[in-house]
Amino acid sequence: MRIGPKYKICRRLGSGIFSKCQTTRYTISEGKKKLGARQGRKHRTTKTEFGAQLLEKQKIRLSYGLNERQLVNYVAKSKQKRGTLAAQEIFKLLETRLDNVIFRMGLVPTRQFARQAVTHVHITVNNKRVARPSYEVRAGDVIGIRTGSKQNGIFRDKKETMKDHIAPSWIELDRELVTAKILSTPPSSEQSPDLNFASIVQFYSRV
């Protein structure tokens, strides 16, 4: 999926949702731009509830690298759970995507990179090759690197680079074998404070 100019997107959404926007250089640059914007602003803009929900929706969609149809499908599936449970279900569905798990393992630096690793058939689930980034992992699944890809340049030194990586509580890393075992579904307590999953349930309930 083509995302577009990441600096511009981060500036609009007000969140460093891409690794490129989480650098000191970006922070300094944006600080100067915001100062200039405040000095030149003649009136305040009022953000509506709908506008706020739209921004939250865009944050989540772009953070996980989804297109609009994919996100709509996840929301529809989550609505089988009512109330706050729907928001928790969306979080669980997005976190258990195979590309996200590869990212959470620390195998790759970004989710976009993770999708490429999966579609290029570098990744296995329970020793079987899987080429679908949206594949939903389950408790007990073991995710690893395909044998023929272990000497590939992007994976060759992962034993070293993963030494200090801290995975979520629901993922158990084997740093020696460079694999991960799914222990459970992602707990809602580990949701990022920067992403409001309840907001997108409300957004799609009114559009």
N, C-alpha and C. Protein backbone atom coordinates (compact mmCIF):
# COMPACT_ATOMS: atom_id res chain seq x y z
N MET A 1 0.83 -1.19 0.00
CA MET A 1 0.00 0.00 0.00
C MET A 1 0.87 1.24 0.00
N ARG A 2 0.62 2.17 -0.92
CA ARG A 2 1.38 3.42 -0.97
C ARG A 2 0.84 4.36 0.10
N ILE A 3 1.73 4.82 0.99
CA ILE A 3 1.30 5.64 2.12
C ILE A 3 1.35 7.12 1.79
N GLY A 4 2.40 7.57 1.10
CA GLY A 4 2.51 8.99 0.79
C GLY A 4 3.58 9.66 1.64
N PRO A 5 3.65 11.00 1.61
CA PRO A 5 4.68 11.74 2.36
C PRO A 5 4.50 11.58 3.87
N LYS A 6 5.40 10.86 4.50
CA LYS A 6 5.21 10.51 5.91
C LYS A 6 5.31 11.70 6.85
N TYR A 7 6.24 12.64 6.57
CA TYR A 7 6.35 13.81 7.42
C TYR A 7 5.03 14.59 7.44
N LYS A 8 4.44 14.75 6.26
CA LYS A 8 3.20 15.50 6.14
C LYS A 8 2.07 14.80 6.89
N ILE A 9 2.03 13.48 6.80
CA ILE A 9 0.99 12.71 7.49
C ILE A 9 1.16 12.82 9.00
N CYS A 10 2.39 12.69 9.48
CA CYS A 10 2.64 12.81 10.93
C CYS A 10 2.25 14.20 11.43
N ARG A 11 2.54 15.21 10.63
CA ARG A 11 2.21 16.57 11.02
C ARG A 11 0.70 16.76 11.14
N ARG A 12 -0.04 16.19 10.20
CA ARG A 12 -1.50 16.34 10.20
C ARG A 12 -2.15 15.57 11.34
N LEU A 13 -1.64 14.37 11.62
CA LEU A 13 -2.26 13.53 12.64
C LEU A 13 -1.75 13.83 14.04
N GLY A 14 -0.66 14.58 14.11
CA GLY A 14 -0.14 14.95 15.42
C GLY A 14 0.44 13.79 16.19
N SER A 15 0.96 12.81 15.49
CA SER A 15 1.51 11.63 16.15
C SER A 15 2.63 11.04 15.31
N GLY A 16 3.72 10.65 15.96
CA GLY A 16 4.84 10.03 15.24
C GLY A 16 4.55 8.57 14.94
N ILE A 17 3.60 8.34 14.05
CA ILE A 17 3.17 6.97 13.79
C ILE A 17 4.15 6.19 12.92
N PHE A 18 5.10 6.90 12.30
CA PHE A 18 6.12 6.23 11.50
C PHE A 18 7.48 6.42 12.18
N SER A 19 8.35 5.43 12.06
CA SER A 19 9.67 5.53 12.67
C SER A 19 10.44 6.74 12.13
N LYS A 20 10.17 7.09 10.87
CA LYS A 20 10.83 8.24 10.26
C LYS A 20 10.49 9.53 10.99
N CYS A 21 9.34 9.56 11.67
CA CYS A 21 8.89 10.77 12.37
C CYS A 21 9.23 10.72 13.86
N GLN A 22 10.06 9.77 14.27
CA GLN A 22 10.41 9.64 15.67
C GLN A 22 11.88 9.94 15.92
N THR A 23 12.44 10.79 15.07
CA THR A 23 13.84 11.16 15.18
C THR A 23 13.99 12.57 15.75
N THR A 24 15.17 12.86 16.28
CA THR A 24 15.44 14.19 16.82
C THR A 24 15.34 15.24 15.72
N ARG A 25 15.81 14.88 14.54
CA ARG A 25 15.76 15.81 13.41
C ARG A 25 14.33 16.23 13.10
N TYR A 26 13.42 15.27 13.09
CA TYR A 26 12.01 15.58 12.81
C TYR A 26 11.43 16.45 13.92
N THR A 27 11.74 16.13 15.18
CA THR A 27 11.21 16.88 16.32
C THR A 27 11.63 18.35 16.26
N ILE A 28 12.91 18.57 15.98
CA ILE A 28 13.42 19.94 15.89
C ILE A 28 12.75 20.69 14.74
N SER A 29 12.66 20.03 13.59
CA SER A 29 12.05 20.64 12.41
C SER A 29 10.60 21.02 12.66
N GLU A 30 9.84 20.11 13.29
CA GLU A 30 8.44 20.38 13.55
C GLU A 30 8.25 21.46 14.60
N GLY A 31 9.16 21.51 15.57
CA GLY A 31 9.09 22.54 16.60
C GLY A 31 9.20 23.93 15.99
N LYS A 32 10.10 24.09 15.03
CA LYS A 32 10.27 25.38 14.35
C LYS A 32 9.03 25.73 13.52
N LYS A 33 8.47 24.73 12.85
CA LYS A 33 7.30 24.98 12.01
C LYS A 33 6.08 25.37 12.85
N LYS A 34 5.92 24.71 14.00
CA LYS A 34 4.77 25.02 14.86
C LYS A 34 4.89 26.42 15.44
N LEU A 35 6.12 26.82 15.79
CA LEU A 35 6.34 28.16 16.31
C LEU A 35 5.96 29.20 15.25
N GLY A 36 6.40 28.97 14.02
CA GLY A 36 6.08 29.89 12.93
C GLY A 36 4.59 29.93 12.65
N ALA A 37 3.94 28.77 12.74
CA ALA A 37 2.49 28.71 12.48
C ALA A 37 1.72 29.48 13.53
N ARG A 38 2.13 29.38 14.79
CA ARG A 38 1.44 30.10 15.86
C ARG A 38 1.58 31.61 15.70
N GLN A 39 2.74 32.04 15.28
CA GLN A 39 2.99 33.47 15.11
C GLN A 39 2.18 34.04 13.95
N GLY A 40 1.94 33.23 12.93
CA GLY A 40 1.24 33.72 11.75
C GLY A 40 -0.26 33.46 11.76
N ARG A 41 -0.75 32.73 12.79
CA ARG A 41 -2.16 32.38 12.82
C ARG A 41 -3.02 33.56 13.24
N LYS A 42 -4.10 33.82 12.51
CA LYS A 42 -4.98 34.93 12.82
C LYS A 42 -6.24 34.49 13.54
N HIS A 43 -6.58 33.21 13.45
CA HIS A 43 -7.78 32.73 14.13
C HIS A 43 -7.60 31.26 14.49
N ARG A 44 -8.35 30.84 15.47
CA ARG A 44 -8.28 29.46 15.90
C ARG A 44 -9.27 28.60 15.11
N THR A 45 -8.85 27.38 14.83
CA THR A 45 -9.76 26.44 14.18
C THR A 45 -10.41 25.56 15.24
N THR A 46 -11.66 25.27 15.08
CA THR A 46 -12.39 24.44 16.05
C THR A 46 -12.50 23.02 15.51
N LYS A 47 -12.03 22.08 16.31
CA LYS A 47 -12.08 20.68 15.89
C LYS A 47 -13.40 20.07 16.35
N THR A 48 -14.15 19.51 15.42
CA THR A 48 -15.42 18.87 15.76
C THR A 48 -15.18 17.46 16.26
N GLU A 49 -16.21 16.87 16.86
CA GLU A 49 -16.11 15.49 17.34
C GLU A 49 -15.87 14.54 16.16
N PHE A 50 -16.57 14.80 15.07
CA PHE A 50 -16.39 13.98 13.87
C PHE A 50 -14.96 14.09 13.36
N GLY A 51 -14.44 15.32 13.33
CA GLY A 51 -13.07 15.53 12.87
C GLY A 51 -12.05 14.82 13.74
N ALA A 52 -12.28 14.83 15.05
CA ALA A 52 -11.37 14.16 15.98
C ALA A 52 -11.39 12.64 15.74
N GLN A 53 -12.60 12.10 15.54
CA GLN A 53 -12.72 10.67 15.29
C GLN A 53 -12.09 10.28 13.96
N LEU A 54 -12.22 11.15 12.97
CA LEU A 54 -11.61 10.89 11.66
C LEU A 54 -10.09 10.82 11.78
N LEU A 55 -9.51 11.73 12.55
CA LEU A 55 -8.07 11.71 12.76
C LEU A 55 -7.62 10.44 13.47
N GLU A 56 -8.39 10.01 14.47
CA GLU A 56 -8.05 8.78 15.19
C GLU A 56 -8.12 7.57 14.25
N LYS A 57 -9.13 7.59 13.39
CA LYS A 57 -9.26 6.50 12.42
C LYS A 57 -8.05 6.44 11.49
N GLN A 58 -7.62 7.60 11.02
CA GLN A 58 -6.47 7.67 10.13
C GLN A 58 -5.19 7.24 10.84
N LYS A 59 -5.05 7.61 12.09
CA LYS A 59 -3.88 7.18 12.86
C LYS A 59 -3.76 5.66 12.90
N ILE A 60 -4.87 5.03 13.23
CA ILE A 60 -4.86 3.57 13.36
C ILE A 60 -4.66 2.91 12.00
N ARG A 61 -5.35 3.41 10.99
CA ARG A 61 -5.23 2.81 9.65
C ARG A 61 -3.80 2.88 9.14
N LEU A 62 -3.16 4.02 9.30
CA LEU A 62 -1.80 4.20 8.79
C LEU A 62 -0.76 3.55 9.69
N SER A 63 -1.02 3.51 10.99
CA SER A 63 -0.08 2.84 11.90
C SER A 63 0.07 1.36 11.54
N TYR A 64 -1.05 0.72 11.23
CA TYR A 64 -1.03 -0.70 10.90
C TYR A 64 -0.89 -0.95 9.39
N GLY A 65 -0.85 0.12 8.59
CA GLY A 65 -0.64 -0.04 7.16
C GLY A 65 -1.81 -0.67 6.44
N LEU A 66 -3.02 -0.26 6.78
CA LEU A 66 -4.22 -0.84 6.18
C LEU A 66 -4.83 0.12 5.17
N ASN A 67 -5.55 -0.44 4.20
CA ASN A 67 -6.36 0.42 3.35
C ASN A 67 -7.74 0.54 3.99
N GLU A 68 -8.56 1.43 3.44
CA GLU A 68 -9.86 1.71 4.05
C GLU A 68 -10.75 0.47 4.12
N ARG A 69 -10.76 -0.32 3.06
CA ARG A 69 -11.63 -1.51 3.04
C ARG A 69 -11.22 -2.51 4.12
N GLN A 70 -9.92 -2.69 4.30
CA GLN A 70 -9.45 -3.62 5.33
C GLN A 70 -9.91 -3.18 6.71
N LEU A 71 -9.77 -1.88 6.99
CA LEU A 71 -10.17 -1.39 8.31
C LEU A 71 -11.68 -1.52 8.52
N VAL A 72 -12.45 -1.22 7.49
CA VAL A 72 -13.91 -1.37 7.58
C VAL A 72 -14.26 -2.82 7.89
N ASN A 73 -13.59 -3.76 7.25
CA ASN A 73 -13.87 -5.18 7.50
C ASN A 73 -13.54 -5.57 8.93
N TYR A 74 -12.44 -5.04 9.46
CA TYR A 74 -12.07 -5.34 10.85
C TYR A 74 -13.10 -4.76 11.82
N VAL A 75 -13.56 -3.55 11.53
CA VAL A 75 -14.56 -2.93 12.40
C VAL A 75 -15.86 -3.72 12.36
N ALA A 76 -16.27 -4.14 11.17
CA ALA A 76 -17.51 -4.93 11.03
C ALA A 76 -17.40 -6.24 11.82
N LYS A 77 -16.24 -6.86 11.74
CA LYS A 77 -16.03 -8.12 12.47
C LYS A 77 -16.04 -7.89 13.97
N SER A 78 -15.48 -6.76 14.40
CA SER A 78 -15.40 -6.48 15.83
C SER A 78 -16.75 -6.18 16.44
N LYS A 79 -17.70 -5.73 15.63
CA LYS A 79 -19.00 -5.32 16.16
C LYS A 79 -19.84 -6.50 16.63
N GLN A 80 -19.33 -7.70 16.43
CA GLN A 80 -19.98 -8.86 17.04
C GLN A 80 -19.86 -8.79 18.55
N LYS A 81 -18.87 -7.99 19.01
CA LYS A 81 -18.70 -7.71 20.43
C LYS A 81 -19.29 -6.32 20.68
N ARG A 82 -20.11 -6.17 21.68
CA ARG A 82 -20.79 -4.89 21.89
C ARG A 82 -20.00 -3.97 22.82
N GLY A 83 -20.30 -2.68 22.70
CA GLY A 83 -19.72 -1.68 23.59
C GLY A 83 -18.21 -1.61 23.51
N THR A 84 -17.57 -1.48 24.68
CA THR A 84 -16.11 -1.36 24.72
C THR A 84 -15.43 -2.62 24.22
N LEU A 85 -16.15 -3.74 24.25
CA LEU A 85 -15.55 -4.99 23.77
C LEU A 85 -15.23 -4.91 22.28
N ALA A 86 -15.98 -4.12 21.54
CA ALA A 86 -15.71 -3.97 20.10
C ALA A 86 -14.35 -3.32 19.90
N ALA A 87 -14.02 -2.31 20.69
CA ALA A 87 -12.73 -1.65 20.59
C ALA A 87 -11.60 -2.62 20.93
N GLN A 88 -11.80 -3.43 21.95
CA GLN A 88 -10.80 -4.42 22.34
C GLN A 88 -10.61 -5.46 21.24
N GLU A 89 -11.71 -5.80 20.57
CA GLU A 89 -11.64 -6.80 19.50
C GLU A 89 -10.86 -6.27 18.30
N ILE A 90 -11.05 -5.00 17.96
CA ILE A 90 -10.28 -4.41 16.86
C ILE A 90 -8.80 -4.45 17.19
N PHE A 91 -8.46 -4.05 18.41
CA PHE A 91 -7.06 -4.09 18.84
C PHE A 91 -6.49 -5.50 18.71
N LYS A 92 -7.25 -6.49 19.17
CA LYS A 92 -6.79 -7.88 19.10
C LYS A 92 -6.60 -8.33 17.66
N LEU A 93 -7.56 -8.00 16.80
CA LEU A 93 -7.48 -8.42 15.39
C LEU A 93 -6.28 -7.79 14.68
N LEU A 94 -6.01 -6.53 14.96
CA LEU A 94 -4.89 -5.85 14.30
C LEU A 94 -3.55 -6.32 14.84
N GLU A 95 -3.48 -6.55 16.14
CA GLU A 95 -2.22 -6.98 16.74
C GLU A 95 -1.85 -8.40 16.33
N THR A 96 -2.83 -9.24 16.05
CA THR A 96 -2.53 -10.63 15.71
C THR A 96 -2.34 -10.85 14.22
N ARG A 97 -2.33 -9.78 13.43
CA ARG A 97 -1.92 -9.91 12.03
C ARG A 97 -0.46 -10.37 12.00
N LEU A 98 -0.14 -11.23 11.05
CA LEU A 98 1.21 -11.77 10.98
C LEU A 98 2.26 -10.68 10.78
N ASP A 99 1.95 -9.69 9.93
CA ASP A 99 2.94 -8.64 9.71
C ASP A 99 3.22 -7.85 10.99
N ASN A 100 2.18 -7.63 11.79
CA ASN A 100 2.38 -6.91 13.05
C ASN A 100 3.21 -7.74 14.03
N VAL A 101 2.96 -9.05 14.07
CA VAL A 101 3.72 -9.91 14.97
C VAL A 101 5.21 -9.91 14.61
N ILE A 102 5.51 -9.95 13.31
CA ILE A 102 6.90 -9.88 12.86
C ILE A 102 7.55 -8.59 13.35
N PHE A 103 6.79 -7.50 13.27
CA PHE A 103 7.28 -6.20 13.75
C PHE A 103 7.47 -6.24 15.27
N ARG A 104 6.50 -6.77 16.01
CA ARG A 104 6.59 -6.85 17.47
C ARG A 104 7.73 -7.75 17.93
N MET A 105 8.07 -8.73 17.13
CA MET A 105 9.19 -9.62 17.47
C MET A 105 10.53 -8.89 17.42
N GLY A 106 10.59 -7.83 16.66
CA GLY A 106 11.85 -7.13 16.47
C GLY A 106 12.65 -7.64 15.30
N LEU A 107 12.02 -8.45 14.45
CA LEU A 107 12.72 -8.97 13.28
C LEU A 107 12.99 -7.87 12.26
N VAL A 108 12.08 -6.90 12.18
CA VAL A 108 12.18 -5.82 11.21
C VAL A 108 11.85 -4.50 11.91
N PRO A 109 12.31 -3.37 11.37
CA PRO A 109 12.10 -2.08 12.05
C PRO A 109 10.73 -1.47 11.87
N THR A 110 9.98 -1.85 10.83
CA THR A 110 8.68 -1.24 10.57
C THR A 110 7.67 -2.30 10.12
N ARG A 111 6.39 -1.97 10.23
CA ARG A 111 5.35 -2.88 9.74
C ARG A 111 5.39 -3.00 8.23
N GLN A 112 5.76 -1.93 7.56
CA GLN A 112 5.87 -1.97 6.10
C GLN A 112 6.93 -2.99 5.67
N PHE A 113 8.04 -2.98 6.37
CA PHE A 113 9.10 -3.94 6.12
C PHE A 113 8.61 -5.35 6.42
N ALA A 114 7.81 -5.48 7.48
CA ALA A 114 7.26 -6.78 7.87
C ALA A 114 6.37 -7.35 6.78
N ARG A 115 5.53 -6.50 6.17
CA ARG A 115 4.66 -6.97 5.08
C ARG A 115 5.48 -7.49 3.91
N GLN A 116 6.57 -6.81 3.60
CA GLN A 116 7.44 -7.27 2.52
C GLN A 116 8.07 -8.62 2.85
N ALA A 117 8.49 -8.78 4.10
CA ALA A 117 9.11 -10.05 4.52
C ALA A 117 8.12 -11.20 4.37
N VAL A 118 6.85 -10.95 4.70
CA VAL A 118 5.84 -12.01 4.60
C VAL A 118 5.51 -12.30 3.14
N THR A 119 5.25 -11.27 2.34
CA THR A 119 4.86 -11.49 0.95
C THR A 119 6.00 -12.09 0.12
N HIS A 120 7.24 -11.88 0.54
CA HIS A 120 8.37 -12.49 -0.15
C HIS A 120 8.68 -13.89 0.37
N VAL A 121 7.78 -14.40 1.19
CA VAL A 121 7.82 -15.78 1.70
C VAL A 121 9.10 -16.07 2.51
N HIS A 122 9.46 -15.13 3.37
CA HIS A 122 10.60 -15.34 4.27
C HIS A 122 10.14 -15.91 5.62
N ILE A 123 8.83 -15.87 5.89
CA ILE A 123 8.31 -16.16 7.22
C ILE A 123 7.51 -17.47 7.25
N THR A 124 7.64 -18.18 8.38
CA THR A 124 6.87 -19.41 8.57
C THR A 124 6.01 -19.32 9.82
N VAL A 125 4.91 -20.05 9.81
CA VAL A 125 4.07 -20.22 10.98
C VAL A 125 3.94 -21.71 11.20
N ASN A 126 4.41 -22.18 12.34
CA ASN A 126 4.43 -23.62 12.64
C ASN A 126 5.16 -24.40 11.53
N ASN A 127 6.29 -23.83 11.10
CA ASN A 127 7.17 -24.43 10.07
C ASN A 127 6.54 -24.50 8.68
N LYS A 128 5.45 -23.78 8.47
CA LYS A 128 4.84 -23.74 7.14
C LYS A 128 4.93 -22.31 6.60
N ARG A 129 5.30 -22.19 5.34
CA ARG A 129 5.44 -20.86 4.75
C ARG A 129 4.09 -20.17 4.62
N VAL A 130 4.05 -18.90 5.00
CA VAL A 130 2.83 -18.09 4.89
C VAL A 130 3.19 -16.81 4.17
N ALA A 131 2.42 -16.45 3.14
CA ALA A 131 2.73 -15.27 2.34
C ALA A 131 1.64 -14.21 2.44
N ARG A 132 0.78 -14.33 3.47
CA ARG A 132 -0.33 -13.38 3.62
C ARG A 132 -0.13 -12.53 4.87
N PRO A 133 0.16 -11.23 4.73
CA PRO A 133 0.41 -10.37 5.89
C PRO A 133 -0.75 -10.32 6.88
N SER A 134 -1.99 -10.48 6.38
CA SER A 134 -3.16 -10.38 7.25
C SER A 134 -3.46 -11.69 7.99
N TYR A 135 -2.64 -12.71 7.77
CA TYR A 135 -2.86 -14.00 8.43
C TYR A 135 -2.99 -13.78 9.94
N GLU A 136 -4.02 -14.37 10.55
CA GLU A 136 -4.26 -14.18 11.98
C GLU A 136 -3.59 -15.28 12.79
N VAL A 137 -2.62 -14.91 13.60
CA VAL A 137 -1.94 -15.89 14.44
C VAL A 137 -2.79 -16.20 15.66
N ARG A 138 -2.56 -17.37 16.24
CA ARG A 138 -3.33 -17.80 17.41
C ARG A 138 -2.39 -18.31 18.49
N ALA A 139 -2.94 -18.42 19.69
CA ALA A 139 -2.14 -18.91 20.81
C ALA A 139 -1.56 -20.28 20.48
N GLY A 140 -0.28 -20.45 20.71
CA GLY A 140 0.39 -21.72 20.41
C GLY A 140 1.17 -21.69 19.12
N ASP A 141 0.87 -20.75 18.23
CA ASP A 141 1.61 -20.65 16.97
C ASP A 141 3.06 -20.24 17.21
N VAL A 142 3.94 -20.79 16.39
CA VAL A 142 5.36 -20.44 16.46
C VAL A 142 5.75 -19.79 15.14
N ILE A 143 6.26 -18.58 15.22
CA ILE A 143 6.63 -17.81 14.03
C ILE A 143 8.13 -17.77 13.91
N GLY A 144 8.64 -18.03 12.70
CA GLY A 144 10.08 -18.03 12.49
C GLY A 144 10.46 -17.61 11.08
N ILE A 145 11.73 -17.74 10.78
CA ILE A 145 12.25 -17.39 9.46
C ILE A 145 12.43 -18.67 8.65
N ARG A 146 12.01 -18.64 7.40
CA ARG A 146 12.18 -19.80 6.52
C ARG A 146 13.66 -20.17 6.45
N THR A 147 13.95 -21.45 6.45
CA THR A 147 15.34 -21.93 6.46
C THR A 147 16.16 -21.30 5.34
N GLY A 148 15.61 -21.23 4.15
CA GLY A 148 16.35 -20.68 3.02
C GLY A 148 16.59 -19.19 3.10
N SER A 149 15.92 -18.51 4.06
CA SER A 149 16.06 -17.06 4.18
C SER A 149 16.94 -16.64 5.35
N LYS A 150 17.38 -17.61 6.16
CA LYS A 150 18.11 -17.25 7.38
C LYS A 150 19.46 -16.60 7.09
N GLN A 151 20.03 -16.89 5.95
CA GLN A 151 21.30 -16.26 5.60
C GLN A 151 21.12 -15.02 4.74
N ASN A 152 19.86 -14.67 4.50
CA ASN A 152 19.57 -13.45 3.78
C ASN A 152 20.10 -12.26 4.60
N GLY A 153 20.59 -11.25 3.92
CA GLY A 153 21.21 -10.11 4.61
C GLY A 153 20.34 -9.46 5.67
N ILE A 154 19.04 -9.41 5.44
CA ILE A 154 18.18 -8.72 6.40
C ILE A 154 17.94 -9.53 7.67
N PHE A 155 18.23 -10.84 7.65
CA PHE A 155 17.99 -11.69 8.81
C PHE A 155 19.27 -12.28 9.42
N ARG A 156 20.39 -12.10 8.75
CA ARG A 156 21.61 -12.82 9.12
C ARG A 156 22.05 -12.54 10.56
N ASP A 157 21.95 -11.31 11.02
CA ASP A 157 22.46 -10.95 12.34
C ASP A 157 21.37 -10.72 13.36
N LYS A 158 20.21 -11.31 13.18
CA LYS A 158 19.09 -11.04 14.07
C LYS A 158 19.31 -11.56 15.49
N LYS A 159 20.12 -12.57 15.68
CA LYS A 159 20.40 -13.05 17.04
C LYS A 159 20.99 -11.92 17.87
N GLU A 160 21.84 -11.13 17.26
CA GLU A 160 22.49 -10.02 17.97
C GLU A 160 21.53 -8.85 18.15
N THR A 161 20.84 -8.48 17.08
CA THR A 161 19.99 -7.29 17.15
C THR A 161 18.76 -7.51 18.03
N MET A 162 18.35 -8.78 18.22
CA MET A 162 17.17 -9.05 19.05
C MET A 162 17.50 -9.22 20.53
N LYS A 163 18.78 -9.19 20.88
CA LYS A 163 19.19 -9.44 22.27
C LYS A 163 18.50 -8.51 23.25
N ASP A 164 18.40 -7.26 22.90
CA ASP A 164 17.84 -6.27 23.82
C ASP A 164 16.40 -5.89 23.49
N HIS A 165 15.82 -6.58 22.51
CA HIS A 165 14.45 -6.24 22.13
C HIS A 165 13.46 -6.78 23.16
N ILE A 166 12.51 -5.94 23.54
CA ILE A 166 11.47 -6.35 24.49
C ILE A 166 10.15 -6.51 23.74
N ALA A 167 9.67 -7.74 23.69
CA ALA A 167 8.41 -8.03 22.99
C ALA A 167 7.23 -7.86 23.95
N PRO A 168 6.02 -7.72 23.41
CA PRO A 168 4.83 -7.66 24.28
C PRO A 168 4.71 -8.94 25.12
N SER A 169 3.94 -8.85 26.19
CA SER A 169 3.82 -9.98 27.13
C SER A 169 3.23 -11.22 26.50
N TRP A 170 2.45 -11.05 25.41
CA TRP A 170 1.77 -12.19 24.80
C TRP A 170 2.63 -12.90 23.75
N ILE A 171 3.85 -12.40 23.56
CA ILE A 171 4.79 -13.02 22.62
C ILE A 171 6.04 -13.46 23.37
N GLU A 172 6.38 -14.73 23.26
CA GLU A 172 7.59 -15.27 23.91
C GLU A 172 8.69 -15.45 22.87
N LEU A 173 9.77 -14.73 23.03
CA LEU A 173 10.87 -14.79 22.07
C LEU A 173 11.87 -15.89 22.43
N ASP A 174 12.34 -16.58 21.41
CA ASP A 174 13.50 -17.47 21.54
C ASP A 174 14.59 -16.81 20.71
N ARG A 175 15.44 -16.06 21.38
CA ARG A 175 16.44 -15.28 20.66
C ARG A 175 17.52 -16.14 20.03
N GLU A 176 17.72 -17.33 20.55
CA GLU A 176 18.73 -18.22 19.98
C GLU A 176 18.25 -18.80 18.65
N LEU A 177 16.99 -19.22 18.62
CA LEU A 177 16.42 -19.79 17.39
C LEU A 177 15.80 -18.72 16.49
N VAL A 178 15.69 -17.50 17.02
CA VAL A 178 15.05 -16.38 16.31
C VAL A 178 13.62 -16.77 15.91
N THR A 179 12.87 -17.19 16.91
CA THR A 179 11.46 -17.53 16.72
C THR A 179 10.64 -16.85 17.82
N ALA A 180 9.34 -16.90 17.65
CA ALA A 180 8.44 -16.35 18.66
C ALA A 180 7.23 -17.27 18.80
N LYS A 181 6.81 -17.47 20.04
CA LYS A 181 5.62 -18.27 20.30
C LYS A 181 4.51 -17.35 20.82
N ILE A 182 3.32 -17.51 20.27
CA ILE A 182 2.18 -16.72 20.71
C ILE A 182 1.59 -17.37 21.96
N LEU A 183 1.62 -16.65 23.07
CA LEU A 183 1.18 -17.21 24.35
C LEU A 183 -0.32 -17.02 24.58
N SER A 184 -0.87 -15.91 24.08
CA SER A 184 -2.27 -15.60 24.34
C SER A 184 -2.73 -14.52 23.37
N THR A 185 -3.97 -14.10 23.51
CA THR A 185 -4.43 -12.95 22.74
C THR A 185 -3.87 -11.69 23.39
N PRO A 186 -3.65 -10.63 22.63
CA PRO A 186 -3.08 -9.40 23.20
C PRO A 186 -4.02 -8.80 24.26
N PRO A 187 -3.54 -8.52 25.45
CA PRO A 187 -4.38 -7.91 26.49
C PRO A 187 -4.64 -6.44 26.19
N SER A 188 -5.84 -5.98 26.48
CA SER A 188 -6.20 -4.58 26.19
C SER A 188 -5.33 -3.60 26.97
N SER A 189 -4.74 -4.06 28.07
CA SER A 189 -3.88 -3.18 28.88
C SER A 189 -2.63 -2.75 28.12
N GLU A 190 -2.31 -3.44 27.02
CA GLU A 190 -1.11 -3.11 26.26
C GLU A 190 -1.41 -2.27 25.01
N GLN A 191 -2.61 -1.72 24.95
CA GLN A 191 -2.93 -0.81 23.86
C GLN A 191 -2.09 0.45 23.97
N SER A 192 -1.66 0.97 22.83
CA SER A 192 -0.89 2.21 22.82
C SER A 192 -1.78 3.37 23.25
N PRO A 193 -1.30 4.22 24.16
CA PRO A 193 -2.10 5.38 24.58
C PRO A 193 -2.31 6.39 23.45
N ASP A 194 -1.53 6.26 22.37
CA ASP A 194 -1.65 7.18 21.24
C ASP A 194 -2.75 6.79 20.26
N LEU A 195 -3.32 5.58 20.44
CA LEU A 195 -4.34 5.09 19.50
C LEU A 195 -5.64 4.83 20.25
N ASN A 196 -6.72 5.44 19.78
CA ASN A 196 -8.02 5.33 20.43
C ASN A 196 -8.93 4.41 19.61
N PHE A 197 -8.97 3.14 19.98
CA PHE A 197 -9.73 2.16 19.21
C PHE A 197 -11.24 2.36 19.39
N ALA A 198 -11.66 2.85 20.54
CA ALA A 198 -13.09 3.10 20.76
C ALA A 198 -13.59 4.19 19.83
N SER A 199 -12.72 5.13 19.53
CA SER A 199 -13.11 6.26 18.68
C SER A 199 -13.47 5.81 17.27
N ILE A 200 -12.76 4.80 16.73
CA ILE A 200 -13.08 4.39 15.36
C ILE A 200 -14.37 3.56 15.31
N VAL A 201 -14.72 2.91 16.42
CA VAL A 201 -16.02 2.22 16.47
C VAL A 201 -17.12 3.27 16.36
N GLN A 202 -16.96 4.37 17.10
CA GLN A 202 -17.93 5.46 17.05
C GLN A 202 -17.96 6.11 15.67
N PHE A 203 -16.78 6.26 15.06
CA PHE A 203 -16.71 6.90 13.75
C PHE A 203 -17.50 6.10 12.71
N TYR A 204 -17.31 4.79 12.66
CA TYR A 204 -17.98 3.98 11.65
C TYR A 204 -19.45 3.74 12.00
N SER A 205 -19.85 4.07 13.20
CA SER A 205 -21.26 3.94 13.58
C SER A 205 -22.09 5.11 13.05
N ARG A 206 -21.38 6.19 12.64
CA ARG A 206 -22.11 7.39 12.22
C ARG A 206 -21.91 7.72 10.74
N VAL A 207 -21.07 6.93 10.03
CA VAL A 207 -20.86 7.23 8.61
C VAL A 207 -21.57 6.21 7.74
